[in-house]
């Protein structure tokens, strides 16, 4: 059965360079996270893949342009952001608004992100499944409400 995956953008699918500001689509250099291309290619063959981001200064088209620059856009079914939802990711209405647009039950949706407070906890609070992309060895969690991965390639298992 087809699942729906929501991915955070910065430091989950694409490198968020701390010395850059403004819209990522306009940055001089953009890079995918290691394993993002292969993982999205694999998942998109069997599931629907979307981006759910808190990027406040980028429109849906800006986000798509950034993904296009690194070749990830062809695996993404759509982009959810403040400009097209009217709420940011820290709002309790963010994930319910996405579910309403997708018209799928929360139990069929999995959020993948690198930040517990912005990605994982709000997704779980909204009834979604969640996978913490935790590349830092010393940030272990004993929480059983979500899974943790160290590499995106683990999603292909």
N, C-alpha and C. Protein backbone atom coordinates (compact mmCIF):
# COMPACT_ATOMS: atom_id res chain seq x y z
N UNK A 1 0.84 -1.18 0.00
CA UNK A 1 0.00 0.00 0.00
C UNK A 1 0.89 1.25 0.00
N UNK A 2 0.50 2.22 -0.78
CA UNK A 2 1.28 3.44 -0.92
C UNK A 2 1.24 4.26 0.36
N UNK A 3 2.40 4.72 0.76
CA UNK A 3 2.52 5.64 1.89
C UNK A 3 2.81 7.02 1.34
N UNK A 4 2.70 8.00 2.21
CA UNK A 4 3.09 9.35 1.86
C UNK A 4 4.21 9.77 2.80
N UNK A 5 5.29 10.25 2.22
CA UNK A 5 6.42 10.75 3.00
C UNK A 5 6.47 12.27 2.88
N UNK A 6 6.65 12.92 4.01
CA UNK A 6 6.93 14.35 4.07
C UNK A 6 8.36 14.50 4.54
N UNK A 7 9.15 15.29 3.82
CA UNK A 7 10.53 15.53 4.21
C UNK A 7 10.73 16.99 4.54
N UNK A 8 11.47 17.23 5.60
CA UNK A 8 11.97 18.57 5.87
C UNK A 8 12.95 18.90 4.75
N UNK A 9 13.22 20.18 4.56
CA UNK A 9 14.10 20.61 3.47
C UNK A 9 15.54 20.77 3.95
N UNK A 10 15.82 21.83 4.71
CA UNK A 10 17.18 22.17 5.11
C UNK A 10 17.78 21.17 6.07
N UNK A 11 18.93 20.64 5.71
CA UNK A 11 19.70 19.66 6.47
C UNK A 11 19.02 18.31 6.60
N UNK A 12 17.95 18.11 5.83
CA UNK A 12 17.36 16.78 5.70
C UNK A 12 17.53 16.31 4.26
N UNK A 13 17.13 17.12 3.29
CA UNK A 13 17.32 16.77 1.88
C UNK A 13 18.39 17.61 1.20
N UNK A 14 18.55 18.85 1.65
CA UNK A 14 19.58 19.72 1.07
C UNK A 14 20.38 20.39 2.18
N UNK A 15 21.65 20.62 1.90
CA UNK A 15 22.55 21.23 2.88
C UNK A 15 22.13 22.67 3.12
N UNK A 16 21.97 23.01 4.39
CA UNK A 16 21.64 24.38 4.79
C UNK A 16 22.94 25.05 5.22
N UNK A 17 23.59 25.75 4.28
CA UNK A 17 24.86 26.39 4.58
C UNK A 17 24.62 27.58 5.52
N UNK A 18 25.22 27.57 6.72
CA UNK A 18 24.95 28.62 7.70
C UNK A 18 25.43 30.01 7.30
N UNK A 19 26.36 30.08 6.36
CA UNK A 19 26.87 31.40 5.94
C UNK A 19 26.03 32.02 4.82
N UNK A 20 24.99 31.33 4.38
CA UNK A 20 24.12 31.84 3.32
C UNK A 20 22.83 32.39 3.91
N UNK A 21 22.24 33.36 3.24
CA UNK A 21 20.94 33.89 3.66
C UNK A 21 20.09 34.12 2.42
N UNK A 22 18.83 34.39 2.65
CA UNK A 22 17.91 34.57 1.54
C UNK A 22 17.41 33.23 1.03
N UNK A 23 16.81 33.26 -0.14
CA UNK A 23 16.22 32.07 -0.73
C UNK A 23 17.29 31.10 -1.22
N UNK A 24 17.17 29.84 -0.85
CA UNK A 24 18.16 28.84 -1.24
C UNK A 24 18.27 28.73 -2.76
N UNK A 25 17.19 28.94 -3.48
CA UNK A 25 17.25 28.83 -4.95
C UNK A 25 18.20 29.86 -5.55
N UNK A 26 18.50 30.93 -4.81
CA UNK A 26 19.41 31.98 -5.29
C UNK A 26 20.83 31.85 -4.74
N UNK A 27 21.08 30.88 -3.89
CA UNK A 27 22.43 30.72 -3.34
C UNK A 27 23.40 30.35 -4.46
N UNK A 28 24.66 30.77 -4.36
CA UNK A 28 25.63 30.42 -5.40
C UNK A 28 25.89 28.91 -5.49
N UNK A 29 25.82 28.23 -4.36
CA UNK A 29 26.07 26.79 -4.32
C UNK A 29 24.95 26.12 -3.53
N UNK A 30 24.37 25.07 -4.09
CA UNK A 30 23.39 24.24 -3.38
C UNK A 30 23.81 22.79 -3.53
N UNK A 31 23.56 22.00 -2.49
CA UNK A 31 23.97 20.59 -2.51
C UNK A 31 22.91 19.73 -1.85
N UNK A 32 22.69 18.53 -2.39
CA UNK A 32 21.82 17.58 -1.69
C UNK A 32 22.57 16.94 -0.53
N UNK A 33 21.84 16.49 0.45
CA UNK A 33 22.42 15.69 1.53
C UNK A 33 22.84 14.35 0.95
N UNK A 34 23.93 13.79 1.45
CA UNK A 34 24.39 12.48 0.99
C UNK A 34 23.25 11.46 1.06
N UNK A 35 23.03 10.77 -0.03
CA UNK A 35 22.01 9.73 -0.09
C UNK A 35 20.62 10.22 -0.46
N UNK A 36 20.41 11.54 -0.55
CA UNK A 36 19.08 12.06 -0.84
C UNK A 36 18.59 11.64 -2.22
N UNK A 37 19.43 11.75 -3.23
CA UNK A 37 19.02 11.43 -4.59
C UNK A 37 18.57 9.97 -4.71
N UNK A 38 19.40 9.06 -4.24
CA UNK A 38 19.08 7.64 -4.35
C UNK A 38 17.86 7.27 -3.51
N UNK A 39 17.75 7.86 -2.33
CA UNK A 39 16.62 7.55 -1.44
C UNK A 39 15.31 8.07 -2.03
N UNK A 40 15.29 9.30 -2.50
CA UNK A 40 14.06 9.84 -3.09
C UNK A 40 13.69 9.10 -4.37
N UNK A 41 14.68 8.73 -5.16
CA UNK A 41 14.40 7.96 -6.38
C UNK A 41 13.71 6.64 -6.01
N UNK A 42 14.25 5.95 -5.03
CA UNK A 42 13.68 4.67 -4.59
C UNK A 42 12.26 4.86 -4.02
N UNK A 43 12.12 5.78 -3.07
CA UNK A 43 10.83 5.97 -2.42
C UNK A 43 9.75 6.41 -3.41
N UNK A 44 10.11 7.28 -4.35
CA UNK A 44 9.11 7.80 -5.29
C UNK A 44 8.56 6.74 -6.24
N UNK A 45 9.24 5.63 -6.36
CA UNK A 45 8.74 4.52 -7.20
C UNK A 45 7.59 3.79 -6.52
N UNK A 46 7.51 3.89 -5.19
CA UNK A 46 6.53 3.11 -4.44
C UNK A 46 5.59 3.97 -3.59
N UNK A 47 5.97 5.21 -3.36
CA UNK A 47 5.23 6.08 -2.44
C UNK A 47 5.17 7.50 -2.98
N UNK A 48 4.33 8.31 -2.37
CA UNK A 48 4.29 9.74 -2.71
C UNK A 48 5.24 10.47 -1.77
N UNK A 49 6.02 11.39 -2.33
CA UNK A 49 7.03 12.11 -1.58
C UNK A 49 6.78 13.61 -1.72
N UNK A 50 6.72 14.29 -0.58
CA UNK A 50 6.50 15.74 -0.53
C UNK A 50 7.53 16.38 0.38
N UNK A 51 7.66 17.69 0.25
CA UNK A 51 8.51 18.47 1.13
C UNK A 51 7.59 19.29 2.02
N UNK A 52 7.89 19.30 3.33
CA UNK A 52 7.15 20.10 4.31
C UNK A 52 8.18 20.95 5.04
N UNK A 53 8.23 22.23 4.70
CA UNK A 53 9.31 23.08 5.19
C UNK A 53 8.80 24.31 5.94
N UNK A 54 9.65 24.81 6.78
CA UNK A 54 9.36 26.03 7.53
C UNK A 54 10.01 27.25 6.86
N UNK A 55 10.53 27.09 5.66
CA UNK A 55 11.19 28.19 4.96
C UNK A 55 10.19 29.32 4.72
N UNK A 56 10.36 30.40 5.46
CA UNK A 56 9.38 31.49 5.43
C UNK A 56 9.56 32.42 4.24
N UNK A 57 10.79 32.53 3.72
CA UNK A 57 11.02 33.50 2.66
C UNK A 57 10.98 32.90 1.25
N UNK A 58 10.66 31.62 1.14
CA UNK A 58 10.61 30.96 -0.16
C UNK A 58 9.18 30.54 -0.50
N UNK A 59 8.78 30.79 -1.73
CA UNK A 59 7.49 30.33 -2.23
C UNK A 59 7.64 28.87 -2.68
N UNK A 60 6.53 28.26 -3.01
CA UNK A 60 6.56 26.90 -3.53
C UNK A 60 7.43 26.83 -4.78
N UNK A 61 7.35 27.83 -5.64
CA UNK A 61 8.16 27.85 -6.86
C UNK A 61 9.64 28.03 -6.55
N UNK A 62 9.97 28.84 -5.56
CA UNK A 62 11.37 29.01 -5.14
C UNK A 62 11.94 27.69 -4.64
N UNK A 63 11.16 26.99 -3.85
CA UNK A 63 11.61 25.71 -3.29
C UNK A 63 11.83 24.70 -4.42
N UNK A 64 10.88 24.64 -5.34
CA UNK A 64 11.01 23.73 -6.47
C UNK A 64 12.26 24.06 -7.29
N UNK A 65 12.56 25.33 -7.47
CA UNK A 65 13.76 25.74 -8.22
C UNK A 65 15.03 25.25 -7.53
N UNK A 66 15.07 25.35 -6.20
CA UNK A 66 16.24 24.86 -5.46
C UNK A 66 16.40 23.35 -5.64
N UNK A 67 15.31 22.63 -5.55
CA UNK A 67 15.35 21.17 -5.72
C UNK A 67 15.76 20.81 -7.15
N UNK A 68 15.30 21.59 -8.11
CA UNK A 68 15.66 21.36 -9.51
C UNK A 68 17.16 21.51 -9.72
N UNK A 69 17.78 22.45 -9.04
CA UNK A 69 19.22 22.69 -9.21
C UNK A 69 20.07 21.49 -8.82
N UNK A 70 19.56 20.63 -7.94
CA UNK A 70 20.33 19.45 -7.52
C UNK A 70 19.72 18.14 -8.02
N UNK A 71 18.69 18.24 -8.88
CA UNK A 71 18.11 17.05 -9.49
C UNK A 71 17.15 16.26 -8.63
N UNK A 72 16.69 16.84 -7.53
CA UNK A 72 15.76 16.13 -6.65
C UNK A 72 14.30 16.37 -7.00
N UNK A 73 14.02 17.42 -7.75
CA UNK A 73 12.64 17.82 -8.03
C UNK A 73 11.82 16.74 -8.73
N UNK A 74 12.44 15.92 -9.55
CA UNK A 74 11.69 14.91 -10.30
C UNK A 74 11.11 13.81 -9.42
N UNK A 75 11.55 13.76 -8.16
CA UNK A 75 11.05 12.74 -7.24
C UNK A 75 10.03 13.30 -6.24
N UNK A 76 9.77 14.59 -6.30
CA UNK A 76 8.91 15.26 -5.34
C UNK A 76 7.53 15.50 -5.97
N UNK A 77 6.48 15.09 -5.25
CA UNK A 77 5.10 15.28 -5.74
C UNK A 77 4.57 16.68 -5.45
N UNK A 78 5.14 17.37 -4.47
CA UNK A 78 4.69 18.71 -4.14
C UNK A 78 5.44 19.27 -2.95
N UNK A 79 5.18 20.54 -2.69
CA UNK A 79 5.90 21.27 -1.65
C UNK A 79 4.89 21.98 -0.76
N UNK A 80 5.05 21.85 0.56
CA UNK A 80 4.20 22.53 1.52
C UNK A 80 5.05 23.51 2.32
N UNK A 81 4.63 24.76 2.33
CA UNK A 81 5.37 25.81 3.01
C UNK A 81 4.38 26.87 3.50
N UNK A 82 4.89 27.85 4.20
CA UNK A 82 4.04 28.90 4.74
C UNK A 82 3.29 29.64 3.64
N UNK A 83 3.94 29.86 2.50
CA UNK A 83 3.30 30.65 1.45
C UNK A 83 2.10 29.96 0.82
N UNK A 84 2.08 28.62 0.80
CA UNK A 84 0.91 27.96 0.20
C UNK A 84 -0.05 27.35 1.22
N UNK A 85 0.37 27.27 2.49
CA UNK A 85 -0.53 26.77 3.53
C UNK A 85 -1.11 27.89 4.38
N UNK A 86 -0.40 29.01 4.46
CA UNK A 86 -0.86 30.12 5.29
C UNK A 86 -0.47 29.98 6.75
N UNK A 87 0.24 28.92 7.10
CA UNK A 87 0.72 28.70 8.47
C UNK A 87 2.13 28.14 8.40
N UNK A 88 2.94 28.43 9.42
CA UNK A 88 4.30 27.88 9.42
C UNK A 88 4.34 26.56 10.16
N UNK A 89 5.46 25.89 10.06
CA UNK A 89 5.60 24.54 10.61
C UNK A 89 5.43 24.49 12.13
N UNK A 90 5.70 25.57 12.81
CA UNK A 90 5.56 25.57 14.27
C UNK A 90 4.10 25.77 14.71
N UNK A 91 3.22 26.03 13.79
CA UNK A 91 1.80 26.17 14.10
C UNK A 91 1.17 24.78 14.22
N UNK A 92 0.29 24.59 15.20
CA UNK A 92 -0.38 23.29 15.31
C UNK A 92 -1.27 22.97 14.11
N UNK A 93 -1.56 23.96 13.27
CA UNK A 93 -2.40 23.74 12.09
C UNK A 93 -1.60 23.28 10.86
N UNK A 94 -0.26 23.30 10.94
CA UNK A 94 0.58 22.98 9.78
C UNK A 94 0.31 21.58 9.24
N UNK A 95 0.49 20.57 10.04
CA UNK A 95 0.31 19.20 9.56
C UNK A 95 -1.15 18.87 9.25
N UNK A 96 -2.12 19.30 10.06
CA UNK A 96 -3.52 19.08 9.64
C UNK A 96 -3.86 19.73 8.30
N UNK A 97 -3.28 20.88 8.01
CA UNK A 97 -3.52 21.53 6.71
C UNK A 97 -2.96 20.68 5.57
N UNK A 98 -1.81 20.08 5.78
CA UNK A 98 -1.23 19.19 4.77
C UNK A 98 -2.11 17.96 4.58
N UNK A 99 -2.53 17.36 5.69
CA UNK A 99 -3.39 16.17 5.60
C UNK A 99 -4.68 16.47 4.84
N UNK A 100 -5.25 17.64 5.07
CA UNK A 100 -6.48 18.03 4.37
C UNK A 100 -6.23 18.15 2.87
N UNK A 101 -5.10 18.72 2.50
CA UNK A 101 -4.79 18.86 1.07
C UNK A 101 -4.50 17.51 0.41
N UNK A 102 -3.85 16.63 1.15
CA UNK A 102 -3.52 15.32 0.60
C UNK A 102 -4.72 14.37 0.64
N UNK A 103 -5.65 14.64 1.53
CA UNK A 103 -6.82 13.79 1.73
C UNK A 103 -6.42 12.34 2.04
N UNK A 104 -5.49 12.22 2.99
CA UNK A 104 -5.05 10.91 3.45
C UNK A 104 -5.08 10.89 4.97
N UNK A 105 -5.30 9.72 5.56
CA UNK A 105 -5.28 9.64 7.03
C UNK A 105 -3.86 9.81 7.56
N UNK A 106 -3.75 10.38 8.73
CA UNK A 106 -2.43 10.63 9.34
C UNK A 106 -1.62 9.35 9.51
N UNK A 107 -2.27 8.23 9.69
CA UNK A 107 -1.56 6.96 9.89
C UNK A 107 -0.81 6.51 8.64
N UNK A 108 -1.11 7.08 7.48
CA UNK A 108 -0.44 6.71 6.23
C UNK A 108 0.66 7.70 5.85
N UNK A 109 0.94 8.66 6.75
CA UNK A 109 1.91 9.71 6.45
C UNK A 109 3.07 9.64 7.43
N UNK A 110 4.28 9.73 6.91
CA UNK A 110 5.49 9.73 7.73
C UNK A 110 6.29 10.99 7.47
N UNK A 111 6.60 11.71 8.53
CA UNK A 111 7.45 12.91 8.46
C UNK A 111 8.88 12.51 8.74
N UNK A 112 9.82 12.95 7.89
CA UNK A 112 11.24 12.71 8.09
C UNK A 112 11.91 14.07 8.24
N UNK A 113 12.60 14.27 9.36
CA UNK A 113 13.26 15.55 9.57
C UNK A 113 14.41 15.44 10.54
N UNK A 114 15.23 16.49 10.57
CA UNK A 114 16.45 16.47 11.38
C UNK A 114 16.30 17.18 12.72
N UNK A 115 15.15 17.81 12.98
CA UNK A 115 15.00 18.57 14.22
C UNK A 115 13.81 18.04 15.02
N UNK A 116 14.09 17.58 16.23
CA UNK A 116 13.02 17.05 17.07
C UNK A 116 11.90 18.07 17.29
N UNK A 117 12.27 19.30 17.66
CA UNK A 117 11.29 20.30 18.06
C UNK A 117 10.46 20.83 16.89
N UNK A 118 11.02 20.88 15.70
CA UNK A 118 10.32 21.47 14.55
C UNK A 118 9.71 20.43 13.62
N UNK A 119 10.30 19.25 13.58
CA UNK A 119 9.85 18.23 12.63
C UNK A 119 9.12 17.06 13.29
N UNK A 120 9.76 16.48 14.27
CA UNK A 120 9.29 15.20 14.82
C UNK A 120 8.14 15.37 15.81
N UNK A 121 8.33 16.16 16.84
CA UNK A 121 7.29 16.32 17.86
C UNK A 121 5.99 16.86 17.29
N UNK A 122 6.02 17.93 16.48
CA UNK A 122 4.75 18.41 15.92
C UNK A 122 4.05 17.38 15.01
N UNK A 123 4.83 16.60 14.28
CA UNK A 123 4.24 15.57 13.43
C UNK A 123 3.55 14.50 14.27
N UNK A 124 4.21 14.07 15.32
CA UNK A 124 3.61 13.07 16.21
C UNK A 124 2.36 13.64 16.87
N UNK A 125 2.43 14.89 17.30
CA UNK A 125 1.26 15.53 17.92
C UNK A 125 0.07 15.57 16.96
N UNK A 126 0.35 15.63 15.66
CA UNK A 126 -0.72 15.68 14.65
C UNK A 126 -1.16 14.27 14.22
N UNK A 127 -0.57 13.24 14.82
CA UNK A 127 -0.97 11.87 14.52
C UNK A 127 -0.19 11.20 13.40
N UNK A 128 0.86 11.83 12.91
CA UNK A 128 1.67 11.26 11.84
C UNK A 128 2.71 10.32 12.43
N UNK A 129 3.25 9.47 11.59
CA UNK A 129 4.44 8.70 11.94
C UNK A 129 5.63 9.64 11.75
N UNK A 130 6.73 9.37 12.42
CA UNK A 130 7.88 10.26 12.30
C UNK A 130 9.18 9.47 12.34
N UNK A 131 10.14 9.96 11.57
CA UNK A 131 11.49 9.39 11.56
C UNK A 131 12.47 10.54 11.73
N UNK A 132 13.25 10.44 12.79
CA UNK A 132 14.24 11.47 13.09
C UNK A 132 15.53 11.16 12.35
N UNK A 133 15.92 12.06 11.46
CA UNK A 133 17.19 11.95 10.73
C UNK A 133 18.26 12.55 11.63
N UNK A 134 18.86 11.69 12.43
CA UNK A 134 19.77 12.09 13.50
C UNK A 134 21.19 11.65 13.15
N UNK A 135 21.93 12.54 12.51
CA UNK A 135 23.30 12.22 12.08
C UNK A 135 24.32 12.40 13.19
N UNK A 136 23.93 13.01 14.30
CA UNK A 136 24.86 13.28 15.39
C UNK A 136 24.82 12.13 16.39
N UNK A 137 25.92 11.48 16.55
CA UNK A 137 26.00 10.28 17.39
C UNK A 137 25.58 10.55 18.83
N UNK A 138 25.93 11.71 19.38
CA UNK A 138 25.65 11.95 20.80
C UNK A 138 24.23 12.43 21.08
N UNK A 139 23.35 12.46 20.07
CA UNK A 139 21.97 12.86 20.29
C UNK A 139 21.06 11.64 20.23
N UNK A 140 21.18 10.76 21.15
CA UNK A 140 20.33 9.57 21.16
C UNK A 140 19.03 9.86 21.87
N UNK A 141 18.01 9.15 21.46
CA UNK A 141 16.71 9.31 22.09
C UNK A 141 16.16 7.93 22.41
N UNK A 142 15.57 7.82 23.55
CA UNK A 142 14.94 6.56 23.94
C UNK A 142 13.44 6.61 23.69
N UNK A 143 12.98 7.65 23.01
CA UNK A 143 11.57 7.81 22.72
C UNK A 143 11.11 6.72 21.76
N UNK A 144 10.04 6.05 22.10
CA UNK A 144 9.53 4.97 21.26
C UNK A 144 8.41 5.44 20.33
N UNK A 145 8.12 6.75 20.33
CA UNK A 145 7.08 7.28 19.45
C UNK A 145 7.57 7.45 18.02
N UNK A 146 8.87 7.35 17.79
CA UNK A 146 9.41 7.54 16.45
C UNK A 146 10.68 6.72 16.28
N UNK A 147 11.04 6.49 15.03
CA UNK A 147 12.28 5.81 14.69
C UNK A 147 13.36 6.86 14.45
N UNK A 148 14.61 6.43 14.53
CA UNK A 148 15.74 7.31 14.28
C UNK A 148 16.64 6.65 13.25
N UNK A 149 17.14 7.46 12.30
CA UNK A 149 18.09 6.97 11.31
C UNK A 149 19.31 7.90 11.29
N UNK A 150 20.44 7.37 10.88
CA UNK A 150 21.66 8.17 10.79
C UNK A 150 21.98 8.53 9.34
N UNK A 151 21.42 7.78 8.39
CA UNK A 151 21.63 8.03 6.96
C UNK A 151 20.31 7.89 6.24
N UNK A 152 20.09 8.73 5.23
CA UNK A 152 18.84 8.65 4.47
C UNK A 152 18.69 7.29 3.79
N UNK A 153 19.79 6.67 3.44
CA UNK A 153 19.73 5.36 2.78
C UNK A 153 19.01 4.31 3.62
N UNK A 154 18.93 4.52 4.92
CA UNK A 154 18.22 3.57 5.78
C UNK A 154 16.72 3.51 5.46
N UNK A 155 16.21 4.53 4.81
CA UNK A 155 14.79 4.53 4.42
C UNK A 155 14.51 3.57 3.27
N UNK A 156 15.56 3.10 2.60
CA UNK A 156 15.39 2.17 1.48
C UNK A 156 15.36 0.73 1.94
N UNK A 157 15.59 0.47 3.20
CA UNK A 157 15.63 -0.91 3.71
C UNK A 157 14.25 -1.50 3.84
